[in-house]
Amino acid sequence: MSDWHWLFGDQLGPHFLTRRAHGPAPNTPVLMIESRSVFRRRRFHRAKAHLLLSAMRHRAAELGDRVRYVRAETYTAALRDTVGDAPLTVHHPTSRAAHAFVNAMPTVRVLPARGFLLPGEAFRSWAAGREKLRHEDFYRWARRELDLLMDGGQPAGGRWNHDKANREPPPKDAKTLGGPAPYRPHEDDIDEEVRADLDRWEREEGIVFVGRDGPRLFPASRREALAALHRFIEHRLPGFGPHEDSVLAHDPVMSHSLLSSSLNLGLLDPAEVVSAAEQAWRDGRAPVQCAEGFVRQIAGWREFVWHLYWYFGDDYRHRNALGHHTPPPDWFLELDADAVTARCLSTALRQVRDTGWTHHIPRLMLLGSHALQQGWDPRAVTDWFHRCFVDGYDWVMLPNVIGMSQYADGGLMTTKPYTSAGAYIHRMSDLCGGCAYRPSDRTGDRACPYTTGYWSFVHRHRARLAANPRTARAAQGLERLDDLQDVLRTHHRQTRTPP
């Protein structure tokens, strides 16, 4: 019996087949499994399903005769009918469920994880004995460990953190940032085949998706991913940074890289991505604040989230420190942007419906913040983000939503809940212009749902917020509201229908 190496659908780059210290031997037969039960169990965004299947089939086409590409109902059936009891290697899967599955198989040898910058044992050593695990501390340690954006022992540009320069509101009266357009791929015969299969699954097999599957917007091959990386580094990185936390209705992409799906499919190695950004700064092709802001997203936040997913344990997904149990409403689950009056929320929901993507501020401060203010069940919100975003995976969304967005872990990874009244949205976006609501109004027909939602949230969790130095002022602010009961009644009325 010959050995096989199993490639999961998020292990599609060449670095998952190189020998290095641990890896399959050259020319080891490769197994890839396309399981329909994955899509039968959960209602994924159709654009996400399309991207994943297109990427897997593109990789299989690249590998040619070396790969056995199996289309089956389940992984178990595919393994039984293809490799039987033959020895099998696989790199550490990215979800706890998949990791438990492969570890339960006696013929499988699990190799170390790839697609990340630091090994798990290094993170555990850093985390040991720390009362709080904070991103900024991790990020500085990771930069030193990786010798990334460093000048000797000091951070490049003399600062670890360029957030102050990277949190500017959008340019006044501008509809777009005016930067170069991002890389966009062209569909091919594989995409046509995928779309036909998805149509047939919906028509004949009862598999149901959500969202729209327009022309594919994100890379599905190594070649496309490298082209997207090159386009960002050479033409868009110099404009990234200052406005990365702002939102424009007519410029959803702004200067963001759009590389998250390529990284999370394994088409790009994060090491090559951050190295390219650093080199652009060293060559004078990008300001240090832009390079640092981008590197922070990859070597900082992405890496931090990956390690926390494994460090916190599986019970982390059940955390619900705020006691939020309301199920998300149908209009949210169905991505029904047209049912929503609030321009900011409607815009973000429409972007998810049409593309399966928004950048991090709409995710956190519009979609996530609204869910937090409404008291929606954090596990259901996590599931929604996982299913509806093209770059969403269990390891991505569990810490991002349970921890940061919904504060359901009570502060294990962040210092405060991330939510705001309409004033923040007004300052950091152009979404309040032309809206039926006014960000400053707390009561009345034009009361902003984010403003009423914010004060309702603060009121509901007043004791917890008052005890936290970072949120104590918000709790104290309730004392200045002489119309609090009217605000709460307005908020309650708004929860009956889409905002």
Protein backbone atom coordinates (compact mmCIF):
# COMPACT_ATOMS: atom_id res chain seq x y z
CA MET A 1 0.00 0.00 0.00
CA SER A 2 1.39 3.40 -0.97
CA ASP A 3 1.13 6.48 1.20
CA TRP A 4 -1.28 9.23 0.33
CA HIS A 5 -1.32 12.88 1.30
CA TRP A 6 -4.71 14.50 1.89
CA LEU A 7 -5.15 18.15 0.95
CA PHE A 8 -8.09 19.89 2.60
CA GLY A 9 -9.90 22.62 0.67
CA ASP A 10 -8.06 25.38 2.55
CA GLN A 11 -4.59 23.90 1.91
CA LEU A 12 -4.27 24.73 -1.76
CA GLY A 13 -0.90 26.48 -2.10
CA PRO A 14 2.45 24.87 -2.97
CA HIS A 15 3.70 25.27 0.62
CA PHE A 16 1.36 22.45 1.67
CA LEU A 17 3.21 19.98 -0.54
CA THR A 18 6.83 20.98 0.03
CA ARG A 19 9.02 18.63 2.05
CA ARG A 20 10.77 21.01 4.46
CA ALA A 21 11.08 19.58 8.00
CA HIS A 22 7.68 17.90 7.87
CA GLY A 23 5.76 17.28 4.71
CA PRO A 24 4.89 14.71 2.09
CA ALA A 25 7.71 13.20 0.06
CA PRO A 26 8.02 14.42 -3.53
CA ASN A 27 5.54 12.76 -5.87
CA THR A 28 3.44 11.36 -3.03
CA PRO A 29 -0.06 10.73 -4.43
CA VAL A 30 -2.46 13.47 -3.37
CA LEU A 31 -6.05 13.00 -2.31
CA MET A 32 -8.63 15.80 -2.47
CA ILE A 33 -12.24 15.32 -1.36
CA GLU A 34 -15.21 17.43 -2.34
CA SER A 35 -17.93 16.63 0.19
CA ARG A 36 -21.51 17.62 -0.55
CA SER A 37 -22.57 17.02 3.04
CA VAL A 38 -20.66 20.17 4.03
CA PHE A 39 -23.13 22.22 2.01
CA ARG A 40 -26.11 20.10 2.98
CA ARG A 41 -25.60 20.66 6.72
CA ARG A 42 -25.33 24.46 6.64
CA ARG A 43 -26.64 27.20 4.41
CA PHE A 44 -23.53 28.83 2.97
CA HIS A 45 -23.30 31.91 0.81
CA ARG A 46 -23.39 30.75 -2.76
CA ALA A 47 -20.39 32.90 -3.75
CA LYS A 48 -18.42 31.23 -0.94
CA ALA A 49 -19.37 27.76 -2.16
CA HIS A 50 -18.45 28.77 -5.70
CA LEU A 51 -15.05 30.14 -4.66
CA LEU A 52 -14.15 27.10 -2.56
CA LEU A 53 -15.11 24.55 -5.21
CA SER A 54 -13.49 26.56 -7.98
CA ALA A 55 -10.27 26.83 -5.97
CA MET A 56 -10.21 23.11 -5.19
CA ARG A 57 -10.86 22.13 -8.79
CA HIS A 58 -8.25 24.58 -10.08
CA ARG A 59 -5.70 23.03 -7.72
CA ALA A 60 -6.63 19.54 -8.86
CA ALA A 61 -6.17 20.60 -12.47
CA GLU A 62 -2.70 21.93 -11.61
CA LEU A 63 -1.69 18.68 -9.92
CA GLY A 64 -2.82 16.59 -12.88
CA ASP A 65 -2.16 12.85 -12.63
CA ARG A 66 -0.69 13.22 -9.14
CA VAL A 67 -4.10 13.89 -7.56
CA ARG A 68 -7.13 11.71 -7.00
CA TYR A 69 -10.06 14.15 -6.82
CA VAL A 70 -13.08 12.51 -5.24
CA ARG A 71 -16.60 13.89 -5.24
CA ALA A 72 -18.60 12.19 -2.51
CA GLU A 73 -21.34 12.75 0.04
CA THR A 74 -18.95 12.53 3.03
CA TYR A 75 -15.25 12.41 3.82
CA THR A 76 -15.73 8.97 5.40
CA ALA A 77 -17.23 7.49 2.25
CA ALA A 78 -14.55 9.03 0.05
CA LEU A 79 -11.72 7.73 2.23
CA ARG A 80 -13.21 4.24 2.45
CA ASP A 81 -13.70 3.94 -1.29
CA THR A 82 -10.39 5.54 -2.31
CA VAL A 83 -7.51 4.82 0.07
CA GLY A 84 -8.99 2.16 2.33
CA ASP A 85 -6.42 1.29 5.00
CA ALA A 86 -3.47 2.86 3.19
CA PRO A 87 -1.27 5.19 5.26
CA LEU A 88 -2.33 8.83 4.95
CA THR A 89 -0.65 12.08 5.92
CA VAL A 90 -2.37 15.43 6.31
CA HIS A 91 -1.28 18.80 7.58
CA HIS A 92 -2.99 19.94 10.77
CA PRO A 93 -6.54 20.93 9.71
CA THR A 94 -7.83 24.40 10.56
CA SER A 95 -11.00 23.40 12.43
CA ARG A 96 -11.42 21.45 15.64
CA ALA A 97 -13.98 19.16 14.03
CA ALA A 98 -11.65 18.22 11.17
CA HIS A 99 -8.71 17.86 13.54
CA ALA A 100 -10.68 15.44 15.74
CA PHE A 101 -11.79 13.53 12.64
CA VAL A 102 -8.29 12.90 11.30
CA ASN A 103 -6.86 12.15 14.73
CA ALA A 104 -9.46 9.42 15.23
CA MET A 105 -8.20 7.56 12.15
CA PRO A 106 -5.47 5.01 12.99
CA THR A 107 -3.85 5.17 9.55
CA VAL A 108 -3.50 8.96 9.48
CA ARG A 109 -0.38 10.84 10.53
CA VAL A 110 -1.07 14.53 11.25
CA LEU A 111 1.76 16.85 10.24
CA PRO A 112 2.36 20.32 11.74
CA ALA A 113 0.14 23.19 10.62
CA ARG A 114 1.16 25.31 7.68
CA GLY A 115 -0.20 28.60 6.42
CA PHE A 116 0.72 30.55 9.55
CA LEU A 117 3.82 32.34 10.77
CA LEU A 118 4.48 30.96 14.25
CA PRO A 119 4.18 27.44 15.70
CA GLY A 120 1.62 26.73 18.37
CA GLU A 121 4.24 25.87 20.98
CA ALA A 122 5.82 29.30 20.59
CA PHE A 123 2.47 30.97 21.18
CA ARG A 124 1.74 28.80 24.21
CA SER A 125 5.12 29.73 25.70
CA TRP A 126 4.36 33.43 25.14
CA ALA A 127 0.86 33.11 26.63
CA ALA A 128 1.86 31.05 29.67
CA GLY A 129 1.40 32.93 32.92
CA ARG A 130 -0.22 35.98 31.32
CA GLU A 131 -3.35 37.17 33.07
CA LYS A 132 -4.60 38.87 29.90
CA LEU A 133 -3.91 37.99 26.28
CA ARG A 134 -3.84 41.25 24.37
CA HIS A 135 -3.27 41.71 20.68
CA GLU A 136 -0.83 44.61 21.01
CA ASP A 137 1.46 42.58 23.29
CA PHE A 138 1.31 39.61 20.96
CA TYR A 139 1.93 41.74 17.89
CA ARG A 140 5.12 43.28 19.29
CA TRP A 141 6.38 39.89 20.38
CA ALA A 142 5.60 38.39 16.95
CA ARG A 143 7.42 41.21 15.16
CA ARG A 144 10.53 40.51 17.24
CA GLU A 145 10.26 36.74 16.79
CA LEU A 146 9.90 37.08 13.02
CA ASP A 147 12.31 40.03 12.68
CA LEU A 148 9.54 41.72 10.74
CA LEU A 149 9.53 45.47 10.11
CA MET A 150 12.39 45.82 12.55
CA ASP A 151 15.52 47.98 12.49
CA GLY A 152 17.77 46.11 14.85
CA GLY A 153 15.86 45.89 18.10
CA GLN A 154 13.57 48.81 17.26
CA PRO A 155 10.39 48.93 15.19
CA ALA A 156 10.68 50.33 11.70
CA GLY A 157 9.84 54.01 11.62
CA GLY A 158 10.40 54.30 15.36
CA ARG A 159 6.88 53.21 16.34
CA TRP A 160 5.23 49.85 16.92
CA ASN A 161 1.81 51.22 16.23
CA HIS A 162 0.72 53.71 13.57
CA ASP A 163 -2.98 53.53 14.44
CA LYS A 164 -3.24 57.28 15.04
CA ALA A 165 -2.22 57.93 11.46
CA ASN A 166 -4.38 55.07 10.18
CA ARG A 167 -7.74 56.03 11.67
CA GLU A 168 -8.71 59.04 9.62
CA PRO A 169 -12.31 59.59 8.50
CA PRO A 170 -13.02 59.46 4.78
CA PRO A 171 -12.02 62.50 2.73
CA LYS A 172 -14.74 65.12 2.93
CA ASP A 173 -17.29 65.01 0.08
CA ALA A 174 -15.39 62.18 -1.65
CA LYS A 175 -17.40 59.28 -3.06
CA THR A 176 -14.29 57.12 -3.46
CA LEU A 177 -10.66 57.18 -2.38
CA GLY A 178 -9.75 57.39 -6.06
CA GLY A 179 -7.10 54.70 -5.81
CA PRO A 180 -6.24 52.04 -8.39
CA ALA A 181 -8.79 49.28 -8.77
CA PRO A 182 -8.10 45.89 -7.17
CA TYR A 183 -7.19 42.79 -9.12
CA ARG A 184 -10.21 40.94 -10.44
CA PRO A 185 -10.00 37.44 -11.92
CA HIS A 186 -11.66 36.18 -15.08
CA GLU A 187 -13.89 33.14 -14.88
CA ASP A 188 -13.05 30.06 -16.93
CA ASP A 189 -14.49 26.64 -17.80
CA ILE A 190 -13.97 25.40 -14.25
CA ASP A 191 -16.12 28.23 -12.91
CA GLU A 192 -18.78 27.41 -15.47
CA GLU A 193 -18.75 23.79 -14.33
CA VAL A 194 -18.98 24.81 -10.65
CA ARG A 195 -21.92 27.11 -11.31
CA ALA A 196 -23.74 24.36 -13.20
CA ASP A 197 -23.16 21.92 -10.33
CA LEU A 198 -24.44 24.41 -7.76
CA ASP A 199 -27.54 25.00 -9.89
CA ARG A 200 -28.12 21.25 -10.08
CA TRP A 201 -27.62 20.76 -6.34
CA GLU A 202 -30.23 23.42 -5.64
CA ARG A 203 -32.61 22.06 -8.25
CA GLU A 204 -32.28 18.32 -7.61
CA GLU A 205 -30.66 17.70 -4.21
CA GLY A 206 -32.32 20.21 -1.93
CA ILE A 207 -29.10 22.03 -1.07
CA VAL A 208 -29.91 25.66 -0.31
CA PHE A 209 -27.61 28.66 -0.39
CA VAL A 210 -27.97 32.30 0.61
CA GLY A 211 -26.68 35.37 -1.19
CA ARG A 212 -25.86 35.95 -4.82
CA ASP A 213 -23.25 34.26 -6.98
CA GLY A 214 -22.21 36.88 -9.48
CA PRO A 215 -18.96 36.83 -11.44
CA ARG A 216 -16.21 35.46 -9.18
CA LEU A 217 -14.41 38.34 -7.45
CA PHE A 218 -11.61 36.54 -5.60
CA PRO A 219 -8.67 34.38 -6.70
CA ALA A 220 -9.23 30.66 -7.12
CA SER A 221 -5.70 29.67 -8.14
CA ARG A 222 -2.14 30.31 -7.08
CA ARG A 223 -1.53 32.31 -10.25
CA GLU A 224 -4.49 34.56 -9.61
CA ALA A 225 -3.58 35.00 -5.94
CA LEU A 226 -0.03 36.06 -6.83
CA ALA A 227 -1.42 38.53 -9.35
CA ALA A 228 -3.74 39.95 -6.67
CA LEU A 229 -0.82 40.24 -4.22
CA HIS A 230 1.32 42.00 -6.80
CA ARG A 231 -1.49 44.39 -7.69
CA PHE A 232 -2.01 45.32 -4.05
CA ILE A 233 1.64 45.76 -3.12
CA GLU A 234 2.62 47.74 -6.21
CA HIS A 235 -0.46 49.90 -6.68
CA ARG A 236 -2.70 49.88 -3.60
CA LEU A 237 -0.52 49.48 -0.49
CA PRO A 238 0.72 53.11 -0.72
CA GLY A 239 -2.90 54.23 -0.24
CA PHE A 240 -3.69 51.75 2.49
CA GLY A 241 -3.51 52.83 6.11
CA PRO A 242 -4.89 56.32 6.69
CA HIS A 243 -8.49 55.44 5.77
CA GLU A 244 -8.52 51.72 6.61
CA ASP A 245 -11.13 52.29 9.34
CA SER A 246 -13.44 54.48 7.25
CA VAL A 247 -16.39 53.52 5.06
CA LEU A 248 -17.68 54.94 1.77
CA ALA A 249 -21.00 53.82 0.34
CA HIS A 250 -19.78 53.82 -3.26
CA ASP A 251 -16.29 52.47 -2.57
CA PRO A 252 -16.69 49.26 -0.54
CA VAL A 253 -13.18 48.02 -1.33
CA MET A 254 -11.31 51.32 -0.81
CA SER A 255 -7.60 50.38 -0.48
CA HIS A 256 -8.10 47.04 1.24
CA SER A 257 -6.07 44.15 -0.10
CA LEU A 258 -8.85 41.58 -0.73
CA LEU A 259 -6.26 38.90 0.07
CA SER A 260 -7.99 37.34 3.08
CA SER A 261 -9.77 34.64 1.08
CA SER A 262 -6.53 33.74 -0.73
CA LEU A 263 -4.68 33.47 2.57
CA ASN A 264 -7.44 31.42 4.16
CA LEU A 265 -7.67 29.05 1.19
CA GLY A 266 -3.92 28.55 1.47
CA LEU A 267 -3.23 30.01 -1.98
CA LEU A 268 -0.86 32.53 -0.40
CA ASP A 269 1.61 31.97 2.41
CA PRO A 270 1.41 34.80 4.98
CA ALA A 271 5.21 34.90 5.10
CA GLU A 272 5.43 35.93 1.45
CA VAL A 273 2.65 38.48 1.93
CA VAL A 274 4.21 40.34 4.88
CA SER A 275 7.66 40.10 3.33
CA ALA A 276 6.37 41.78 0.17
CA ALA A 277 4.85 44.60 2.23
CA GLU A 278 8.03 45.11 4.22
CA GLN A 279 10.14 45.16 1.08
CA ALA A 280 7.86 47.77 -0.47
CA TRP A 281 8.55 50.03 2.51
CA ARG A 282 12.31 49.37 2.47
CA ASP A 283 12.41 50.17 -1.24
CA GLY A 284 10.54 53.44 -0.70
CA ARG A 285 7.45 52.26 -2.56
CA ALA A 286 5.08 52.57 0.41
CA PRO A 287 4.99 54.73 3.57
CA VAL A 288 5.86 52.96 6.80
CA GLN A 289 2.38 53.61 8.25
CA CYS A 290 0.79 51.79 5.30
CA ALA A 291 3.16 48.83 5.48
CA GLU A 292 2.77 48.60 9.26
CA GLY A 293 -1.03 48.84 9.12
CA PHE A 294 -1.16 45.97 6.64
CA VAL A 295 1.44 43.84 8.41
CA ARG A 296 -0.53 44.32 11.63
CA GLN A 297 -3.55 42.70 9.97
CA ILE A 298 -1.59 39.60 8.88
CA ALA A 299 1.22 39.02 11.36
CA GLY A 300 -0.77 40.61 14.16
CA TRP A 301 -4.49 40.02 14.11
CA ARG A 302 -4.76 36.99 11.76
CA GLU A 303 -1.98 35.17 13.57
CA PHE A 304 -3.36 36.11 16.99
CA VAL A 305 -6.84 34.80 16.11
CA TRP A 306 -5.45 31.51 14.78
CA HIS A 307 -3.56 30.77 17.96
CA LEU A 308 -6.37 31.87 20.28
CA TYR A 309 -8.73 29.48 18.49
CA TRP A 310 -6.63 26.55 19.66
CA TYR A 311 -5.48 28.04 22.97
CA PHE A 312 -8.95 28.80 24.35
CA GLY A 313 -10.34 25.30 23.80
CA ASP A 314 -13.57 24.05 22.28
CA ASP A 315 -15.80 25.31 25.08
CA TYR A 316 -14.93 28.85 23.97
CA ARG A 317 -17.67 28.63 21.32
CA HIS A 318 -20.27 28.30 24.09
CA ARG A 319 -19.23 31.49 25.89
CA ASN A 320 -22.07 33.94 26.45
CA ALA A 321 -20.91 36.30 29.19
CA LEU A 322 -23.59 38.90 28.42
CA GLY A 323 -26.44 36.40 28.43
CA HIS A 324 -27.62 37.21 24.91
CA HIS A 325 -30.09 34.62 23.60
CA THR A 326 -32.31 36.34 21.03
CA PRO A 327 -32.14 34.53 17.65
CA PRO A 328 -31.14 36.72 14.69
CA PRO A 329 -34.23 37.72 12.66
CA ASP A 330 -35.06 36.32 9.25
CA TRP A 331 -34.21 39.55 7.39
CA PHE A 332 -30.64 39.29 8.71
CA LEU A 333 -30.29 35.57 8.04
CA GLU A 334 -31.66 36.02 4.51
CA LEU A 335 -29.39 39.01 3.78
CA ASP A 336 -32.51 41.01 2.97
CA ALA A 337 -30.86 44.41 2.60
CA ASP A 338 -33.94 45.83 0.89
CA ALA A 339 -35.99 45.35 4.06
CA VAL A 340 -33.65 47.62 6.05
CA THR A 341 -34.18 51.39 6.20
CA ALA A 342 -30.98 52.37 8.03
CA ARG A 343 -28.62 53.22 5.19
CA CYS A 344 -25.45 52.03 6.92
CA LEU A 345 -26.81 48.60 7.82
CA SER A 346 -28.56 48.18 4.51
CA THR A 347 -25.34 49.03 2.65
CA ALA A 348 -23.27 46.53 4.64
CA LEU A 349 -25.88 43.80 4.32
CA ARG A 350 -26.16 44.42 0.58
CA GLN A 351 -22.40 44.07 0.18
CA VAL A 352 -22.51 40.71 1.97
CA ARG A 353 -25.50 39.58 -0.09
CA ASP A 354 -23.90 40.51 -3.41
CA THR A 355 -20.24 39.61 -2.78
CA GLY A 356 -19.82 37.64 0.44
CA TRP A 357 -17.42 40.30 1.69
CA THR A 358 -17.10 43.63 3.47
CA HIS A 359 -14.03 45.06 5.12
CA HIS A 360 -13.42 44.88 8.85
CA ILE A 361 -15.24 48.06 9.95
CA PRO A 362 -18.65 47.18 8.45
CA ARG A 363 -18.19 43.71 9.96
CA LEU A 364 -17.38 45.02 13.43
CA MET A 365 -19.09 48.40 13.76
CA LEU A 366 -22.20 47.87 11.61
CA LEU A 367 -23.12 44.19 11.39
CA GLY A 368 -21.51 43.00 14.63
CA SER A 369 -22.39 46.11 16.60
CA HIS A 370 -26.05 45.85 15.65
CA ALA A 371 -26.14 42.18 16.69
CA LEU A 372 -24.52 43.08 20.02
CA GLN A 373 -26.94 45.92 20.69
CA GLN A 374 -29.91 43.69 19.92
CA GLY A 375 -28.70 40.92 22.22
CA TRP A 376 -28.59 38.24 19.51
CA ASP A 377 -27.23 34.83 20.42
CA PRO A 378 -23.45 34.94 19.84
CA ARG A 379 -23.24 31.37 18.54
CA ALA A 380 -25.89 32.12 15.91
CA VAL A 381 -24.09 35.34 14.95
CA THR A 382 -20.79 33.45 14.67
CA ASP A 383 -22.43 30.84 12.44
CA TRP A 384 -23.83 33.59 10.21
CA PHE A 385 -20.44 35.23 9.76
CA HIS A 386 -18.85 31.85 9.07
CA ARG A 387 -21.39 30.91 6.42
CA CYS A 388 -21.84 34.28 4.72
CA PHE A 389 -18.27 35.49 4.22
CA VAL A 390 -15.97 34.10 1.54
CA ASP A 391 -13.03 34.26 3.95
CA GLY A 392 -14.96 32.82 6.91
CA TYR A 393 -13.78 29.64 8.62
CA ASP A 394 -14.36 28.27 12.11
CA TRP A 395 -10.93 29.37 13.33
CA VAL A 396 -11.43 32.84 11.83
CA MET A 397 -14.88 33.63 13.12
CA LEU A 398 -14.91 32.04 16.54
CA PRO A 399 -12.46 34.47 18.22
CA ASN A 400 -13.44 37.36 15.94
CA VAL A 401 -17.15 37.11 16.74
CA ILE A 402 -17.36 35.44 20.17
CA GLY A 403 -14.42 37.44 21.47
CA MET A 404 -14.15 40.77 19.72
CA SER A 405 -17.48 41.46 18.04
CA GLN A 406 -19.95 40.08 20.61
CA TYR A 407 -17.79 40.27 23.77
CA ALA A 408 -19.28 36.90 24.70
CA ASP A 409 -16.03 35.82 26.36
CA GLY A 410 -16.30 38.66 28.87
CA GLY A 411 -12.98 40.22 27.89
CA LEU A 412 -10.57 37.29 27.42
CA MET A 413 -9.15 38.83 24.25
CA THR A 414 -10.39 42.44 24.19
CA THR A 415 -10.61 45.17 26.79
CA LYS A 416 -14.16 46.32 26.00
CA PRO A 417 -17.25 45.66 23.88
CA TYR A 418 -16.97 47.22 20.41
CA THR A 419 -20.18 49.13 19.80
CA SER A 420 -21.13 52.75 19.29
CA ALA A 421 -23.94 55.20 18.76
CA GLY A 422 -24.62 56.77 15.37
CA ALA A 423 -22.09 59.54 15.94
CA TYR A 424 -19.17 57.18 15.29
CA ILE A 425 -20.73 55.94 12.06
CA HIS A 426 -21.36 59.53 10.99
CA ARG A 427 -17.75 60.50 11.68
CA MET A 428 -16.13 57.51 9.98
CA SER A 429 -18.39 57.13 6.94
CA ASP A 430 -20.64 58.89 4.47
CA LEU A 431 -23.49 56.49 5.22
CA CYS A 432 -25.59 58.86 7.35
CA GLY A 433 -26.15 61.26 4.46
CA GLY A 434 -29.49 60.56 2.84
CA CYS A 435 -30.55 58.19 5.62
CA ALA A 436 -34.07 58.29 7.03
CA TYR A 437 -32.56 58.47 10.52
CA ARG A 438 -30.38 61.07 12.21
CA PRO A 439 -27.35 59.85 14.17
CA SER A 440 -27.91 62.47 16.88
CA ASP A 441 -31.58 61.59 17.48
CA ARG A 442 -32.33 59.24 20.37
CA THR A 443 -36.13 59.44 20.24
CA GLY A 444 -38.81 60.19 17.69
CA ASP A 445 -39.43 58.94 14.19
CA ARG A 446 -35.89 59.77 13.02
CA ALA A 447 -34.07 58.21 15.98
CA CYS A 448 -30.98 56.36 14.77
CA PRO A 449 -31.23 52.62 15.55
CA TYR A 450 -27.54 52.58 16.47
CA THR A 451 -27.99 55.46 18.90
CA THR A 452 -31.01 53.94 20.62
CA GLY A 453 -29.37 50.52 20.44
CA TYR A 454 -26.18 51.81 22.03
CA TRP A 455 -27.91 53.37 25.02
CA SER A 456 -30.15 50.34 25.43
CA PHE A 457 -27.04 48.12 25.49
CA VAL A 458 -25.29 50.36 28.01
CA HIS A 459 -28.40 50.41 30.20
CA ARG A 460 -28.78 46.62 30.03
CA HIS A 461 -25.16 46.00 31.04
CA ARG A 462 -24.62 49.07 33.19
CA ALA A 463 -23.02 47.31 36.16
CA ARG A 464 -20.48 45.42 34.03
CA LEU A 465 -19.56 48.50 32.01
CA ALA A 466 -19.24 50.70 35.09
CA ALA A 467 -16.69 48.27 36.54
CA ASN A 468 -14.48 48.43 33.41
CA PRO A 469 -12.18 51.50 33.24
CA ARG A 470 -12.51 51.55 29.44
CA THR A 471 -16.32 51.70 29.52
CA ALA A 472 -17.03 53.43 32.82
CA ARG A 473 -17.64 56.77 31.10
CA ALA A 474 -20.31 55.20 28.90
CA ALA A 475 -22.11 53.91 31.97
CA GLN A 476 -21.81 57.32 33.63
CA GLY A 477 -23.30 58.87 30.49
CA LEU A 478 -26.64 57.25 31.32
CA GLU A 479 -26.95 59.71 34.20
CA ARG A 480 -26.98 62.60 31.74
CA LEU A 481 -29.87 61.18 29.71
CA ASP A 482 -33.05 62.77 31.01
CA ASP A 483 -34.99 60.93 28.29
CA LEU A 484 -33.63 57.43 28.98
CA GLN A 485 -37.05 55.79 29.30
CA ASP A 486 -38.13 57.32 26.01
CA VAL A 487 -34.91 56.06 24.43
CA LEU A 488 -35.56 52.54 25.71
CA ARG A 489 -39.15 52.62 24.46
CA THR A 490 -37.95 53.85 21.06
CA HIS A 491 -35.40 51.06 20.88
CA HIS A 492 -37.97 48.44 21.85
CA ARG A 493 -40.32 49.70 19.14
CA GLN A 494 -37.52 49.56 16.56
CA THR A 495 -36.74 45.92 17.34
CA ARG A 496 -40.15 44.81 16.09
CA THR A 497 -39.28 45.42 12.44
CA PRO A 498 -36.08 45.69 10.38
CA PRO A 499 -34.37 48.96 11.42
